[in-house]
N, C-alpha and C. Protein backbone atom coordinates (compact mmCIF):
# COMPACT_ATOMS: atom_id res chain seq x y z
N MET A 1 75.13 113.20 279.54
CA MET A 1 76.15 113.70 280.45
C MET A 1 77.44 114.02 279.69
N TRP A 2 77.77 113.17 278.70
CA TRP A 2 79.00 113.39 277.94
C TRP A 2 78.95 114.73 277.22
N SER A 3 77.84 115.03 276.58
CA SER A 3 77.71 116.29 275.84
C SER A 3 77.85 117.49 276.76
N ALA A 4 77.25 117.42 277.92
CA ALA A 4 77.34 118.52 278.88
C ALA A 4 78.78 118.71 279.35
N LYS A 5 79.47 117.60 279.61
CA LYS A 5 80.85 117.68 280.08
C LYS A 5 81.76 118.26 279.00
N THR A 6 81.60 117.80 277.76
CA THR A 6 82.47 118.31 276.69
C THR A 6 82.16 119.78 276.40
N ALA A 7 80.90 120.17 276.47
CA ALA A 7 80.54 121.57 276.25
C ALA A 7 81.16 122.44 277.35
N GLY A 8 81.08 121.99 278.57
CA GLY A 8 81.68 122.74 279.68
C GLY A 8 83.19 122.83 279.55
N SER A 9 83.82 121.74 279.16
CA SER A 9 85.28 121.74 279.00
C SER A 9 85.68 122.66 277.85
N ARG A 10 84.92 122.63 276.78
CA ARG A 10 85.21 123.50 275.64
C ARG A 10 85.12 124.97 276.05
N ALA A 11 84.10 125.31 276.81
CA ALA A 11 83.94 126.70 277.27
C ALA A 11 85.13 127.13 278.13
N VAL A 12 85.62 126.24 278.97
CA VAL A 12 86.75 126.56 279.83
C VAL A 12 88.01 126.87 279.01
N VAL A 13 88.31 125.99 278.04
CA VAL A 13 89.54 126.20 277.27
C VAL A 13 89.42 127.39 276.32
N GLU A 14 88.21 127.64 275.80
CA GLU A 14 88.03 128.82 274.95
C GLU A 14 88.18 130.10 275.75
N LYS A 15 87.65 130.10 276.97
CA LYS A 15 87.78 131.26 277.84
C LYS A 15 89.25 131.52 278.17
N ALA A 16 90.05 130.45 278.23
CA ALA A 16 91.48 130.58 278.52
C ALA A 16 92.27 131.00 277.27
N GLY A 17 91.59 131.12 276.12
CA GLY A 17 92.26 131.60 274.92
C GLY A 17 92.55 130.56 273.86
N ALA A 18 92.16 129.33 274.09
CA ALA A 18 92.40 128.29 273.09
C ALA A 18 91.43 128.47 271.92
N GLN A 19 91.91 128.15 270.73
CA GLN A 19 91.06 128.17 269.55
C GLN A 19 90.73 126.73 269.19
N ILE A 20 89.46 126.43 269.06
CA ILE A 20 89.00 125.08 268.74
C ILE A 20 88.65 125.04 267.26
N ASN A 21 89.21 124.07 266.55
CA ASN A 21 88.92 123.91 265.14
C ASN A 21 88.04 122.68 264.94
N ASP A 22 86.90 122.90 264.31
CA ASP A 22 86.04 121.79 263.93
C ASP A 22 86.47 121.37 262.54
N VAL A 23 86.65 120.08 262.33
CA VAL A 23 87.15 119.58 261.05
C VAL A 23 86.08 118.76 260.34
N GLU A 24 86.20 118.71 259.03
CA GLU A 24 85.35 117.87 258.21
C GLU A 24 85.95 116.47 258.24
N LYS A 25 85.27 115.53 258.86
CA LYS A 25 85.82 114.19 259.06
C LYS A 25 85.80 113.31 257.82
N GLN A 26 84.93 113.61 256.87
CA GLN A 26 84.77 112.72 255.73
C GLN A 26 86.07 112.53 254.95
N GLY A 27 86.88 113.56 254.82
CA GLY A 27 88.16 113.43 254.13
C GLY A 27 89.08 112.43 254.79
N PHE A 28 89.10 112.43 256.12
CA PHE A 28 89.91 111.48 256.86
C PHE A 28 89.36 110.06 256.70
N ILE A 29 88.05 109.96 256.75
CA ILE A 29 87.40 108.65 256.59
C ILE A 29 87.73 108.07 255.22
N ASP A 30 87.62 108.90 254.18
CA ASP A 30 87.92 108.45 252.83
C ASP A 30 89.39 108.06 252.67
N ALA A 31 90.29 108.81 253.28
CA ALA A 31 91.72 108.53 253.17
C ALA A 31 92.09 107.22 253.86
N MET A 32 91.37 106.85 254.91
CA MET A 32 91.69 105.63 255.64
C MET A 32 91.12 104.37 255.02
N LYS A 33 90.13 104.50 254.16
CA LYS A 33 89.48 103.33 253.58
C LYS A 33 90.47 102.35 252.94
N PRO A 34 91.40 102.81 252.07
CA PRO A 34 92.34 101.84 251.47
C PRO A 34 93.29 101.22 252.50
N VAL A 35 93.58 101.96 253.55
CA VAL A 35 94.46 101.43 254.60
C VAL A 35 93.75 100.27 255.30
N TYR A 36 92.48 100.48 255.66
CA TYR A 36 91.72 99.42 256.30
C TYR A 36 91.58 98.21 255.39
N GLU A 37 91.28 98.46 254.11
CA GLU A 37 91.11 97.35 253.17
C GLU A 37 92.38 96.52 253.03
N LYS A 38 93.53 97.18 253.08
CA LYS A 38 94.80 96.48 252.91
C LYS A 38 95.25 95.76 254.18
N HIS A 39 95.09 96.40 255.32
CA HIS A 39 95.72 95.90 256.54
C HIS A 39 94.76 95.23 257.54
N ILE A 40 93.49 95.53 257.45
CA ILE A 40 92.54 94.97 258.41
C ILE A 40 91.83 93.80 257.73
N THR A 41 92.42 92.63 257.88
CA THR A 41 91.88 91.45 257.22
C THR A 41 91.28 90.45 258.21
N ASP A 42 91.67 90.52 259.44
CA ASP A 42 91.15 89.63 260.48
C ASP A 42 89.73 90.08 260.86
N GLU A 43 88.82 89.13 261.00
CA GLU A 43 87.41 89.45 261.30
C GLU A 43 87.25 90.20 262.62
N VAL A 44 88.07 89.87 263.61
CA VAL A 44 87.99 90.56 264.90
C VAL A 44 88.37 92.02 264.73
N LEU A 45 89.43 92.28 263.97
CA LEU A 45 89.85 93.66 263.74
C LEU A 45 88.84 94.41 262.89
N LYS A 46 88.25 93.74 261.92
CA LYS A 46 87.20 94.37 261.11
C LYS A 46 86.04 94.82 261.98
N LYS A 47 85.65 93.97 262.92
CA LYS A 47 84.56 94.34 263.82
C LYS A 47 84.97 95.51 264.71
N LEU A 48 86.20 95.50 265.21
CA LEU A 48 86.68 96.58 266.04
C LEU A 48 86.64 97.91 265.28
N VAL A 49 87.15 97.90 264.05
CA VAL A 49 87.15 99.12 263.23
C VAL A 49 85.71 99.58 262.98
N ALA A 50 84.83 98.66 262.66
CA ALA A 50 83.43 99.01 262.43
C ALA A 50 82.79 99.61 263.68
N ASP A 51 83.09 99.04 264.83
CA ASP A 51 82.56 99.57 266.09
C ASP A 51 83.06 100.98 266.34
N VAL A 52 84.33 101.21 266.10
CA VAL A 52 84.91 102.55 266.31
C VAL A 52 84.29 103.55 265.33
N GLN A 53 84.07 103.12 264.10
CA GLN A 53 83.52 104.02 263.09
C GLN A 53 82.08 104.43 263.40
N THR A 54 81.35 103.62 264.14
CA THR A 54 79.97 103.97 264.47
C THR A 54 79.84 104.93 265.62
N VAL A 55 80.91 105.17 266.35
CA VAL A 55 80.88 106.10 267.47
C VAL A 55 80.73 107.52 266.93
N GLN A 56 79.83 108.27 267.52
CA GLN A 56 79.61 109.66 267.09
C GLN A 56 80.49 110.59 267.85
């Protein structure tokens, strides 16, 4: 259902003239790694970050 909803929403905004940019996420992931290593030291936060990273 999520994919259908996002596809429909994308079609609506593109029809209205918006330009959608797809980005390469790996650069952002790589840039954040040292930030996580330095600041995310609590096990609960580590799990939260890991959970967020697994979301597609």
